[in-house]
Amino acid sequence: MDTVFRFLYEFLSQFFGSLLQIALAAIEGIKHMFDFKAYLRILNFYKEDFNGPEWIFVALVIVFLILIVVAFVFLIVFLVRKYIRFRKTLVEQEELLEEVAKLNDEVSSLVKEKEDILAMKVSHLGLKPNESEVEEPTDPEEENVNADGIRFAKLNEVDLAYQSYTKKNYNNTFTLEELVELFRNFAASQLHLYYKSEMIRIFIAALASTKLIILQGISGTGKTSLAYAWGKFLKHDSCIASVQPSWRDRTELFGYFNEFTKKFNETEVLKTIYEAGYTDDVYTVILDEMNIARVEYYFAEMLSILEMPNKDEWIVELVSSSWPNDPKKLIDGKLKISPNTWYIGTINNDDSTFMVTDKVYDRAMPIDINDKGEVFEPIDTPSQDINYSYLERIFAEAMNQNEMSADILNKIEEMDNYVIKHFRIAFGNRIVAHMRKFVPVYIACGGDEVSGVDYFVARKILRKFEQLNVSYIRDEIDGFIEFLDQTFGQGKMKECEEYLLRLKKLT
């Protein structure tokens, strides 16, 4: 055992002793560098041999050394100040998040206080909160207490409205490329909203790739307007849910069962999803300012449901049991989420919002809207009746007819290996599956394969670079741009290269 200890001592001493020598040498070097007596001693030794011109040269050398020292000190001060500013920004952001959390707690307290007041009112009637049967209230102010056994008022209204409804076949015949122009001209001629064909092309390809779309960009560029116009175009107004900072769980999205009134507080989002289950039309739910609260909190269950490949498993439990007067499509308290509904979130990235996590971005298709559309003379185009089944069919046909080529898939694999090697980032099978849907539909909408890949990679993959310390990868960015030019063609990956150059400017 003594031999092992001697070995470890000598072996580790070789390493740590070297580190100590490096540190001591560095300290000694700095001391030697600023040994002004040594400089003066050297100058005194040679000064008798200098003539007039040589003294000028000596003075220039001394000035040069002084400038180097000043620059070194300036660099240290600059780095320290930059770190202090960076740290101050982080502290301010943390304080803001704490303030938001405090406000959320206050909202929760107010809600609890409201429920307590309601409980006190109910107690005047001689009721207990857990009673399932209540008598008809005698006080007209207590009309909200359930006496008819109907706890889903809005959903029952939908049942009544659609009790004799049969799904309609609109005999659609348009192509995806024609759909782009129909929507673009409708938005311009009917709503005076102007979008480039490329933006509509990306939007429709995004609809084909996932049920969750994120429209992001600076304020005032028409993020909410695009989703709003899409609902108008389909003759089904988009359901706009204005996200609040207090949203913490799925009850904000669907509603909740009130144990005191024995009624379910339904939201418009729930009503829209329920109504969509009756038809073969296309519906849209807009989550406006979706990151003003944590998306992975209130939308977590929907993220998991929409990820299931079997749409028959898209089921959410609203209540734990069934009542005789429950809505027709609510089976044992469970509701099947209709696949003909898309969820479009709008986000602003500023200090008042939360960062959208990878869990959300990986399941969504982000679209950047940073430019205002140019005004053009549109063809007068009315809104359209569109079958969801037809839209899904032409999406599937586009994916079969425009499958990504083996050459482009090989290039994407090469890019994946390059990114792993140089940036230590990889993208999973989910992202590749989204790409195999997005790019073919983008082509069918009038785009080309490389441009579709370019946009998808820039928004879904390169976005992950923001998680890294940009100053550390700055020197790798030029090499990556060169790799993209060599692999995909000079200037073909324009979106990717523009994103990388913007990222580089941040350092």
Protein backbone atom coordinates (compact mmCIF):
# COMPACT_ATOMS: atom_id res chain seq x y z
CA MET A 1 0.00 0.00 0.00
CA ASP A 2 2.94 2.35 0.74
CA THR A 3 4.12 1.84 -2.84
CA VAL A 4 0.74 2.99 -4.16
CA PHE A 5 0.80 6.12 -1.98
CA ARG A 6 4.36 6.96 -3.15
CA PHE A 7 3.27 6.43 -6.75
CA LEU A 8 0.23 8.72 -6.31
CA TYR A 9 2.34 11.35 -4.56
CA GLU A 10 4.98 11.42 -7.32
CA PHE A 11 2.44 11.09 -10.12
CA LEU A 12 0.17 13.90 -8.89
CA SER A 13 3.13 16.04 -7.82
CA GLN A 14 4.34 16.02 -11.41
CA PHE A 15 1.02 17.55 -12.54
CA PHE A 16 0.18 19.94 -9.71
CA GLY A 17 3.83 20.94 -9.26
CA SER A 18 3.89 22.00 -12.89
CA LEU A 19 0.73 24.08 -12.35
CA LEU A 20 2.37 25.75 -9.36
CA GLN A 21 5.51 26.48 -11.38
CA ILE A 22 3.38 28.04 -14.15
CA ALA A 23 1.59 30.28 -11.63
CA LEU A 24 4.85 31.31 -9.92
CA ALA A 25 6.48 31.93 -13.29
CA ALA A 26 3.56 34.13 -14.34
CA ILE A 27 3.79 36.14 -11.12
CA GLU A 28 7.55 36.42 -11.48
CA GLY A 29 7.16 37.51 -15.10
CA ILE A 30 4.71 40.28 -14.14
CA LYS A 31 7.05 41.48 -11.39
CA HIS A 32 9.93 41.44 -13.84
CA MET A 33 7.86 43.33 -16.44
CA PHE A 34 7.11 46.18 -14.01
CA ASP A 35 10.60 46.36 -12.44
CA PHE A 36 11.17 50.04 -13.20
CA LYS A 37 14.52 50.07 -11.38
CA ALA A 38 15.82 47.51 -13.88
CA TYR A 39 14.71 49.70 -16.80
CA LEU A 40 16.45 52.71 -15.18
CA ARG A 41 19.60 50.70 -14.52
CA ILE A 42 19.79 49.61 -18.19
CA LEU A 43 19.21 53.18 -19.34
CA ASN A 44 21.97 54.52 -17.07
CA PHE A 45 24.36 51.85 -18.31
CA TYR A 46 23.95 52.83 -21.99
CA LYS A 47 23.20 56.54 -21.80
CA GLU A 48 26.84 57.63 -22.19
CA ASP A 49 26.99 55.93 -25.60
CA PHE A 50 23.86 57.54 -27.10
CA ASN A 51 24.07 60.48 -29.45
CA GLY A 52 21.25 62.88 -30.43
CA PRO A 53 19.33 60.75 -33.00
CA GLU A 54 19.73 57.65 -30.87
CA TRP A 55 18.09 59.42 -27.92
CA ILE A 56 15.04 60.06 -30.14
CA PHE A 57 14.82 56.34 -30.91
CA VAL A 58 15.14 55.50 -27.19
CA ALA A 59 12.35 57.95 -26.37
CA LEU A 60 10.10 56.33 -28.99
CA VAL A 61 10.76 52.88 -27.48
CA ILE A 62 9.87 54.14 -24.01
CA VAL A 63 6.67 55.78 -25.30
CA PHE A 64 5.78 52.54 -27.11
CA LEU A 65 6.16 50.51 -23.92
CA ILE A 66 4.08 53.00 -21.97
CA LEU A 67 1.32 52.75 -24.60
CA ILE A 68 1.34 48.96 -24.30
CA VAL A 69 0.94 49.21 -20.52
CA VAL A 70 -1.87 51.77 -20.86
CA ALA A 71 -3.64 49.59 -23.44
CA PHE A 72 -3.32 46.57 -21.15
CA VAL A 73 -4.80 48.47 -18.21
CA PHE A 74 -7.57 49.87 -20.44
CA LEU A 75 -8.43 46.35 -21.64
CA ILE A 76 -8.70 45.09 -18.06
CA VAL A 77 -10.94 48.04 -17.09
CA PHE A 78 -13.08 47.51 -20.20
CA LEU A 79 -13.59 43.81 -19.46
CA VAL A 80 -14.44 44.52 -15.82
CA ARG A 81 -16.99 47.19 -16.78
CA LYS A 82 -18.51 44.91 -19.40
CA TYR A 83 -18.88 42.13 -16.84
CA ILE A 84 -20.45 44.56 -14.34
CA ARG A 85 -22.98 45.74 -16.93
CA PHE A 86 -23.78 42.14 -17.89
CA ARG A 87 -24.19 41.19 -14.24
CA LYS A 88 -26.39 44.24 -13.61
CA THR A 89 -28.67 43.21 -16.50
CA LEU A 90 -29.01 39.71 -15.08
CA VAL A 91 -29.85 41.08 -11.64
CA GLU A 92 -32.48 43.42 -13.12
CA GLN A 93 -34.04 40.52 -15.04
CA GLU A 94 -34.11 38.39 -11.90
CA GLU A 95 -35.74 41.22 -9.96
CA LEU A 96 -38.35 41.61 -12.70
CA LEU A 97 -39.10 37.88 -12.65
CA GLU A 98 -39.41 38.00 -8.87
CA GLU A 99 -41.85 40.91 -9.21
CA VAL A 100 -43.91 38.93 -11.76
CA ALA A 101 -43.93 35.92 -9.39
CA LYS A 102 -45.03 38.19 -6.55
CA LEU A 103 -47.88 39.56 -8.67
CA ASN A 104 -48.88 36.02 -9.59
CA ASP A 105 -49.03 35.12 -5.89
CA GLU A 106 -51.20 38.17 -5.24
CA VAL A 107 -53.56 37.13 -8.05
CA SER A 108 -53.79 33.62 -6.58
CA SER A 109 -54.57 35.12 -3.18
CA LEU A 110 -57.33 37.26 -4.68
CA VAL A 111 -58.83 34.24 -6.45
CA LYS A 112 -58.78 32.29 -3.18
CA GLU A 113 -60.41 35.23 -1.40
CA LYS A 114 -63.10 35.32 -4.07
CA GLU A 115 -63.77 31.59 -3.59
CA ASP A 116 -63.95 32.08 0.19
CA ILE A 117 -66.53 34.85 -0.25
CA LEU A 118 -68.54 32.60 -2.57
CA ALA A 119 -68.36 29.82 0.03
CA MET A 120 -69.72 32.21 2.67
CA LYS A 121 -72.62 33.13 0.38
CA VAL A 122 -73.41 29.49 -0.30
CA SER A 123 -73.31 28.71 3.44
CA HIS A 124 -76.22 31.13 3.96
CA LEU A 125 -78.34 28.69 1.99
CA GLY A 126 -77.49 25.87 4.41
CA LEU A 127 -75.31 24.06 1.82
CA LYS A 128 -72.02 22.23 2.14
CA PRO A 129 -69.36 22.65 -0.53
CA ASN A 130 -69.21 18.90 -1.27
CA GLU A 131 -72.94 18.41 -1.72
CA SER A 132 -73.73 17.12 -5.22
CA GLU A 133 -77.44 18.04 -5.04
CA VAL A 134 -78.64 21.52 -4.14
CA GLU A 135 -82.05 22.97 -3.62
CA GLU A 136 -83.46 25.80 -5.65
CA PRO A 137 -82.07 29.04 -4.15
CA THR A 138 -84.57 31.41 -2.65
CA ASP A 139 -82.22 34.39 -2.80
CA PRO A 140 -82.19 35.84 -6.37
CA GLU A 141 -78.56 36.83 -5.84
CA GLU A 142 -77.63 33.12 -5.66
CA GLU A 143 -78.83 32.17 -9.15
CA ASN A 144 -75.35 30.87 -10.01
CA VAL A 145 -75.85 27.79 -7.76
CA ASN A 146 -76.51 24.78 -10.02
CA ALA A 147 -80.12 23.61 -9.78
CA ASP A 148 -80.71 22.11 -13.25
CA GLY A 149 -77.81 19.66 -13.28
CA ILE A 150 -76.17 21.36 -16.28
CA ARG A 151 -72.55 22.12 -15.50
CA PHE A 152 -71.26 22.82 -19.04
CA ALA A 153 -73.52 25.66 -20.18
CA LYS A 154 -71.45 26.75 -23.21
CA LEU A 155 -70.84 23.22 -24.47
CA ASN A 156 -74.54 22.37 -24.11
CA GLU A 157 -75.31 25.45 -26.23
CA VAL A 158 -73.02 24.02 -28.91
CA ASP A 159 -74.87 20.70 -28.73
CA LEU A 160 -78.17 22.50 -29.27
CA ALA A 161 -76.80 24.54 -32.18
CA TYR A 162 -75.40 21.45 -33.94
CA GLN A 163 -78.08 18.87 -33.03
CA SER A 164 -79.26 18.56 -36.64
CA TYR A 165 -75.93 19.41 -38.28
CA THR A 166 -74.29 17.17 -40.88
CA LYS A 167 -70.72 17.62 -42.04
CA LYS A 168 -70.49 19.51 -45.31
CA ASN A 169 -68.41 18.65 -48.34
CA TYR A 170 -67.26 21.88 -50.01
CA ASN A 171 -65.81 20.05 -53.05
CA ASN A 172 -62.51 21.92 -52.81
CA THR A 173 -60.21 21.66 -55.84
CA PHE A 174 -57.47 24.26 -55.23
CA THR A 175 -53.78 23.38 -55.09
CA LEU A 176 -51.46 24.51 -52.30
CA GLU A 177 -49.86 27.09 -54.60
CA GLU A 178 -53.33 28.46 -55.39
CA LEU A 179 -54.17 28.47 -51.66
CA VAL A 180 -51.19 30.75 -51.04
CA GLU A 181 -52.47 33.31 -53.51
CA LEU A 182 -56.10 32.97 -52.40
CA PHE A 183 -55.20 33.74 -48.78
CA ARG A 184 -52.76 36.51 -49.72
CA ASN A 185 -55.29 38.26 -51.96
CA PHE A 186 -58.10 37.82 -49.42
CA ALA A 187 -56.03 39.41 -46.63
CA ALA A 188 -55.14 42.35 -48.87
CA SER A 189 -58.51 42.93 -50.54
CA GLN A 190 -60.80 42.31 -47.55
CA LEU A 191 -58.68 43.21 -44.52
CA HIS A 192 -56.02 45.52 -46.02
CA LEU A 193 -53.30 43.28 -44.57
CA TYR A 194 -50.39 42.83 -46.94
CA TYR A 195 -48.08 39.82 -46.83
CA LYS A 196 -45.42 38.55 -49.17
CA SER A 197 -46.09 35.26 -50.95
CA GLU A 198 -43.03 33.81 -49.22
CA MET A 199 -44.53 34.52 -45.78
CA ILE A 200 -47.83 32.81 -46.67
CA ARG A 201 -45.87 29.90 -48.17
CA ILE A 202 -43.96 29.43 -44.92
CA PHE A 203 -47.15 29.78 -42.85
CA ILE A 204 -49.04 27.08 -44.77
CA ALA A 205 -46.03 24.74 -44.72
CA ALA A 206 -45.89 25.28 -40.95
CA LEU A 207 -49.56 24.26 -40.66
CA ALA A 208 -48.66 20.98 -42.35
CA SER A 209 -45.72 20.23 -40.06
CA THR A 210 -47.26 20.78 -36.60
CA LYS A 211 -50.40 21.88 -34.76
CA LEU A 212 -48.51 24.55 -32.79
CA ILE A 213 -47.09 27.58 -34.60
CA ILE A 214 -45.18 30.42 -32.97
CA LEU A 215 -45.21 33.84 -34.65
CA GLN A 216 -42.37 35.91 -33.23
CA GLY A 217 -40.83 39.27 -33.97
CA ILE A 218 -40.88 42.93 -33.04
CA SER A 219 -44.13 44.56 -32.02
CA GLY A 220 -46.37 45.95 -34.76
CA THR A 221 -45.33 43.69 -37.66
CA GLY A 222 -48.66 41.83 -37.88
CA LYS A 223 -48.12 38.61 -35.88
CA THR A 224 -51.63 38.46 -34.42
CA SER A 225 -53.10 39.91 -37.61
CA LEU A 226 -51.82 36.99 -39.69
CA ALA A 227 -53.52 34.41 -37.45
CA TYR A 228 -56.64 36.60 -37.26
CA ALA A 229 -56.77 36.90 -41.07
CA TRP A 230 -56.43 33.12 -41.43
CA GLY A 231 -59.55 32.62 -39.30
CA LYS A 232 -61.48 35.18 -41.34
CA PHE A 233 -60.32 33.51 -44.55
CA LEU A 234 -61.74 30.16 -43.34
CA LYS A 235 -65.11 31.69 -42.25
CA HIS A 236 -64.37 30.71 -38.65
CA ASP A 237 -63.11 33.60 -36.57
CA SER A 238 -59.99 32.70 -34.62
CA CYS A 239 -60.55 32.25 -30.90
CA ILE A 240 -58.20 34.78 -29.28
CA ALA A 241 -56.99 33.83 -25.80
CA SER A 242 -55.05 36.70 -24.23
CA VAL A 243 -52.48 35.02 -22.01
CA GLN A 244 -52.12 36.53 -18.53
CA PRO A 245 -49.07 36.51 -16.21
CA SER A 246 -51.07 34.48 -13.68
CA TRP A 247 -51.53 31.50 -16.01
CA ARG A 248 -49.93 28.50 -14.31
CA ASP A 249 -51.82 25.38 -15.35
CA ARG A 250 -54.28 23.99 -17.88
CA THR A 251 -57.34 25.41 -16.07
CA GLU A 252 -56.53 28.77 -17.67
CA LEU A 253 -56.90 27.12 -21.07
CA PHE A 254 -59.91 24.85 -20.54
CA GLY A 255 -61.58 26.15 -17.38
CA TYR A 256 -62.31 24.44 -14.07
CA PHE A 257 -65.12 22.84 -12.09
CA ASN A 258 -66.38 25.06 -9.27
CA GLU A 259 -67.15 22.88 -6.27
CA PHE A 260 -69.46 25.51 -4.77
CA THR A 261 -71.67 26.29 -7.75
CA LYS A 262 -71.34 22.78 -9.23
CA LYS A 263 -70.74 24.36 -12.62
CA PHE A 264 -67.75 24.14 -14.93
CA ASN A 265 -66.27 27.54 -15.76
CA GLU A 266 -65.68 27.01 -19.48
CA THR A 267 -63.31 29.10 -21.58
CA GLU A 268 -63.79 30.17 -25.18
CA VAL A 269 -60.84 27.95 -26.10
CA LEU A 270 -62.67 24.89 -24.75
CA LYS A 271 -65.83 25.90 -26.59
CA THR A 272 -63.91 26.29 -29.87
CA ILE A 273 -62.26 22.88 -29.51
CA TYR A 274 -65.61 21.29 -28.69
CA GLU A 275 -67.39 22.97 -31.61
CA ALA A 276 -64.61 21.88 -33.99
CA GLY A 277 -65.42 18.26 -33.13
CA TYR A 278 -68.79 18.61 -34.90
CA THR A 279 -67.45 19.82 -38.25
CA ASP A 280 -64.93 19.11 -40.99
CA ASP A 281 -63.92 22.79 -41.06
CA VAL A 282 -60.62 24.35 -39.97
CA TYR A 283 -60.43 26.20 -36.62
CA THR A 284 -57.75 28.41 -35.08
CA VAL A 285 -56.92 29.28 -31.48
CA ILE A 286 -54.61 32.28 -30.97
CA LEU A 287 -52.52 32.37 -27.79
CA ASP A 288 -51.77 36.08 -27.80
CA GLU A 289 -48.55 37.08 -25.98
CA MET A 290 -48.15 33.40 -25.11
CA ASN A 291 -44.83 33.84 -23.27
CA ILE A 292 -46.07 36.47 -20.83
CA ALA A 293 -46.54 33.35 -18.65
CA ARG A 294 -44.56 30.09 -18.79
CA VAL A 295 -45.85 28.17 -21.82
CA GLU A 296 -44.60 24.85 -20.47
CA TYR A 297 -46.88 25.31 -17.44
CA TYR A 298 -50.31 26.11 -18.84
CA PHE A 299 -49.83 24.35 -22.22
CA ALA A 300 -47.90 21.31 -20.95
CA GLU A 301 -50.75 18.81 -21.33
CA MET A 302 -51.57 20.00 -24.84
CA LEU A 303 -47.92 19.72 -25.85
CA SER A 304 -47.96 16.07 -24.84
CA ILE A 305 -51.35 15.32 -26.42
CA LEU A 306 -50.55 16.91 -29.78
CA GLU A 307 -47.31 14.91 -29.93
CA MET A 308 -49.15 11.56 -29.92
CA PRO A 309 -49.11 9.97 -33.41
CA ASN A 310 -52.55 8.36 -32.92
CA LYS A 311 -55.16 11.13 -32.99
CA ASP A 312 -57.66 8.84 -31.24
CA GLU A 313 -55.50 9.27 -28.15
CA TRP A 314 -55.85 13.06 -28.17
CA ILE A 315 -58.01 13.03 -25.04
CA VAL A 316 -58.12 15.42 -22.09
CA GLU A 317 -59.98 14.76 -18.83
CA LEU A 318 -62.08 17.76 -17.81
CA VAL A 319 -63.93 16.18 -14.85
CA SER A 320 -63.51 12.89 -13.04
CA SER A 321 -67.06 11.61 -13.53
CA SER A 322 -70.05 12.00 -15.82
CA TRP A 323 -73.45 13.58 -15.16
CA PRO A 324 -76.65 12.82 -17.09
CA ASN A 325 -76.84 16.32 -18.61
CA ASP A 326 -73.18 16.50 -19.68
CA PRO A 327 -72.44 17.48 -23.31
CA LYS A 328 -72.81 14.70 -25.89
CA LYS A 329 -69.13 14.60 -26.84
CA LEU A 330 -67.96 14.48 -23.23
CA ILE A 331 -67.56 10.78 -22.49
CA ASP A 332 -66.93 9.88 -18.83
CA GLY A 333 -65.70 13.40 -18.25
CA LYS A 334 -63.15 13.12 -21.09
CA LEU A 335 -63.07 15.20 -24.28
CA LYS A 336 -61.37 14.19 -27.51
CA ILE A 337 -59.30 17.05 -28.93
CA SER A 338 -60.35 17.67 -32.51
CA PRO A 339 -57.45 17.48 -35.01
CA ASN A 340 -58.96 20.22 -37.19
CA THR A 341 -57.84 22.91 -34.71
CA TRP A 342 -54.47 24.69 -34.90
CA TYR A 343 -52.88 26.67 -32.06
CA ILE A 344 -50.98 29.82 -33.04
CA GLY A 345 -48.99 31.65 -30.40
CA THR A 346 -47.54 35.14 -30.71
CA ILE A 347 -44.50 36.17 -28.71
CA ASN A 348 -42.40 39.26 -28.08
CA ASN A 349 -38.90 38.68 -26.76
CA ASP A 350 -38.35 41.41 -24.18
CA ASP A 351 -37.65 41.80 -20.47
CA SER A 352 -41.35 41.52 -19.53
CA THR A 353 -41.73 37.98 -20.89
CA PHE A 354 -40.42 34.51 -20.16
CA MET A 355 -38.01 32.67 -22.40
CA VAL A 356 -39.67 29.95 -24.48
CA THR A 357 -37.90 26.69 -23.69
CA ASP A 358 -36.62 24.01 -26.04
CA LYS A 359 -39.48 21.73 -24.98
CA VAL A 360 -41.90 24.15 -26.62
CA TYR A 361 -39.78 25.20 -29.61
CA ASP A 362 -39.00 21.59 -30.57
CA ARG A 363 -42.71 20.80 -30.82
CA ALA A 364 -43.67 24.02 -32.62
CA MET A 365 -42.78 25.74 -35.87
CA PRO A 366 -41.46 29.26 -35.21
CA ILE A 367 -41.96 31.91 -37.88
CA ASP A 368 -40.18 35.26 -37.73
CA ILE A 369 -42.24 38.30 -38.75
CA ASN A 370 -39.95 41.32 -38.68
CA ASP A 371 -40.89 43.08 -41.93
CA LYS A 372 -44.05 44.89 -42.87
CA GLY A 373 -45.62 43.68 -46.10
CA GLU A 374 -45.51 45.90 -49.15
CA VAL A 375 -48.81 47.26 -50.44
CA PHE A 376 -49.89 45.72 -53.76
CA GLU A 377 -53.01 45.71 -55.93
CA PRO A 378 -54.82 42.49 -54.96
CA ILE A 379 -57.43 40.43 -56.78
CA ASP A 380 -60.74 40.78 -54.95
CA THR A 381 -61.03 37.42 -53.16
CA PRO A 382 -63.81 36.35 -50.77
CA SER A 383 -63.41 34.05 -47.75
CA GLN A 384 -63.38 30.33 -48.48
CA ASP A 385 -65.17 27.20 -47.26
CA ILE A 386 -62.39 24.66 -46.78
CA ASN A 387 -62.69 21.08 -45.58
CA TYR A 388 -60.10 20.00 -43.03
CA SER A 389 -60.02 16.54 -44.64
CA TYR A 390 -59.21 18.09 -48.03
CA LEU A 391 -56.46 20.26 -46.56
CA GLU A 392 -54.92 17.24 -44.83
CA ARG A 393 -55.14 15.24 -48.06
CA ILE A 394 -53.29 17.78 -50.17
CA PHE A 395 -50.70 18.10 -47.39
CA ALA A 396 -50.18 14.31 -47.51
CA GLU A 397 -50.01 14.34 -51.32
CA ALA A 398 -47.38 17.08 -51.22
CA MET A 399 -45.30 15.07 -48.73
CA ASN A 400 -45.44 12.01 -51.00
CA GLN A 401 -44.78 13.83 -54.27
CA ASN A 402 -42.03 16.15 -52.98
CA GLU A 403 -40.10 13.90 -50.64
CA MET A 404 -36.77 15.37 -49.65
CA SER A 405 -34.04 14.10 -51.97
CA ALA A 406 -31.33 11.71 -50.79
CA ASP A 407 -28.74 14.35 -51.70
CA ILE A 408 -30.25 17.03 -49.45
CA LEU A 409 -30.73 14.53 -46.60
CA ASN A 410 -27.05 13.56 -46.85
CA LYS A 411 -26.08 17.24 -46.72
CA ILE A 412 -28.26 17.75 -43.65
CA GLU A 413 -26.53 14.78 -41.99
CA GLU A 414 -23.14 16.33 -42.83
CA MET A 415 -24.32 19.60 -41.29
CA ASP A 416 -25.53 17.75 -38.19
CA ASN A 417 -22.08 16.16 -37.76
CA TYR A 418 -20.38 19.53 -38.28
CA VAL A 419 -22.60 21.24 -35.68
CA ILE A 420 -22.00 18.44 -33.17
CA LYS A 421 -18.23 18.63 -33.68
CA HIS A 422 -17.83 22.42 -33.56
CA PHE A 423 -20.75 23.59 -31.40
CA ARG A 424 -21.65 20.51 -29.32
CA ILE A 425 -25.31 20.76 -30.37
CA ALA A 426 -27.45 18.05 -31.98
CA PHE A 427 -31.02 18.02 -33.23
CA GLY A 428 -33.25 15.01 -32.63
CA ASN A 429 -35.58 12.84 -34.69
CA ARG A 430 -38.58 15.05 -33.87
CA ILE A 431 -37.03 18.02 -35.68
CA VAL A 432 -36.09 15.88 -38.70
CA ALA A 433 -39.66 14.54 -38.83
CA HIS A 434 -40.99 18.12 -38.83
CA MET A 435 -38.59 19.01 -41.62
CA ARG A 436 -39.80 16.07 -43.75
CA LYS A 437 -43.31 17.57 -43.55
CA PHE A 438 -42.44 21.26 -43.79
CA VAL A 439 -40.11 21.19 -46.81
CA PRO A 440 -42.31 19.11 -49.21
CA VAL A 441 -45.37 21.30 -48.50
CA TYR A 442 -43.22 24.41 -48.87
CA ILE A 443 -42.21 23.12 -52.33
CA ALA A 444 -45.86 22.44 -53.24
CA CYS A 445 -46.68 26.02 -52.22
CA GLY A 446 -44.26 27.32 -54.84
CA GLY A 447 -40.90 27.28 -53.06
CA ASP A 448 -37.77 25.26 -53.75
CA GLU A 449 -36.17 22.54 -51.64
CA VAL A 450 -33.00 24.33 -50.52
CA SER A 451 -34.90 27.48 -49.54
CA GLY A 452 -37.29 25.41 -47.44
CA VAL A 453 -34.42 23.64 -45.71
CA ASP A 454 -32.66 26.98 -45.23
CA TYR A 455 -35.63 28.57 -43.44
CA PHE A 456 -36.35 25.49 -41.34
CA VAL A 457 -32.73 25.06 -40.22
CA ALA A 458 -32.38 28.76 -39.36
CA ARG A 459 -35.52 28.78 -37.18
CA LYS A 460 -35.47 25.31 -35.63
CA ILE A 461 -31.78 24.37 -35.35
CA LEU A 462 -29.55 27.44 -35.35
CA ARG A 463 -31.85 28.99 -32.75
CA LYS A 464 -30.23 26.57 -30.29
CA PHE A 465 -26.97 28.56 -30.66
CA GLU A 466 -28.54 31.25 -28.46
CA GLN A 467 -28.12 28.89 -25.51
CA LEU A 468 -24.34 28.98 -25.96
CA ASN A 469 -21.86 31.62 -24.88
CA VAL A 470 -21.67 33.49 -28.18
CA SER A 471 -18.21 34.89 -27.43
CA TYR A 472 -16.82 31.35 -27.33
CA ILE A 473 -18.29 30.27 -30.67
CA ARG A 474 -17.63 33.55 -32.48
CA ASP A 475 -14.51 32.26 -34.21
CA GLU A 476 -16.38 29.14 -35.39
CA ILE A 477 -19.17 31.07 -37.14
CA ASP A 478 -17.13 32.07 -40.22
CA GLY A 479 -16.07 28.45 -40.69
CA PHE A 480 -19.67 27.29 -40.46
CA ILE A 481 -20.80 29.84 -43.06
CA GLU A 482 -18.05 28.60 -45.38
CA PHE A 483 -19.20 25.02 -44.76
CA LEU A 484 -22.81 25.93 -45.70
CA ASP A 485 -21.62 27.60 -48.94
CA GLN A 486 -19.51 24.61 -49.90
CA THR A 487 -22.18 22.03 -49.01
CA PHE A 488 -25.42 23.64 -50.21
CA GLY A 489 -24.08 26.13 -52.76
CA GLN A 490 -22.75 29.67 -52.59
CA GLY A 491 -25.40 31.93 -51.01
CA LYS A 492 -28.11 29.23 -51.05
CA MET A 493 -28.50 29.14 -47.25
CA LYS A 494 -29.20 32.86 -47.01
CA GLU A 495 -31.47 32.70 -43.92
CA CYS A 496 -28.91 30.64 -42.01
CA GLU A 497 -26.02 32.89 -42.93
CA GLU A 498 -27.93 36.08 -42.06
CA TYR A 499 -28.85 34.59 -38.68
CA LEU A 500 -25.23 33.57 -37.98
CA LEU A 501 -23.93 37.02 -38.90
CA ARG A 502 -26.49 38.67 -36.57
CA LEU A 503 -25.40 36.29 -33.84
CA LYS A 504 -21.77 37.22 -34.45
CA LYS A 505 -22.53 40.93 -34.10
CA LEU A 506 -23.87 40.34 -30.59
CA THR A 507 -20.34 39.58 -29.32
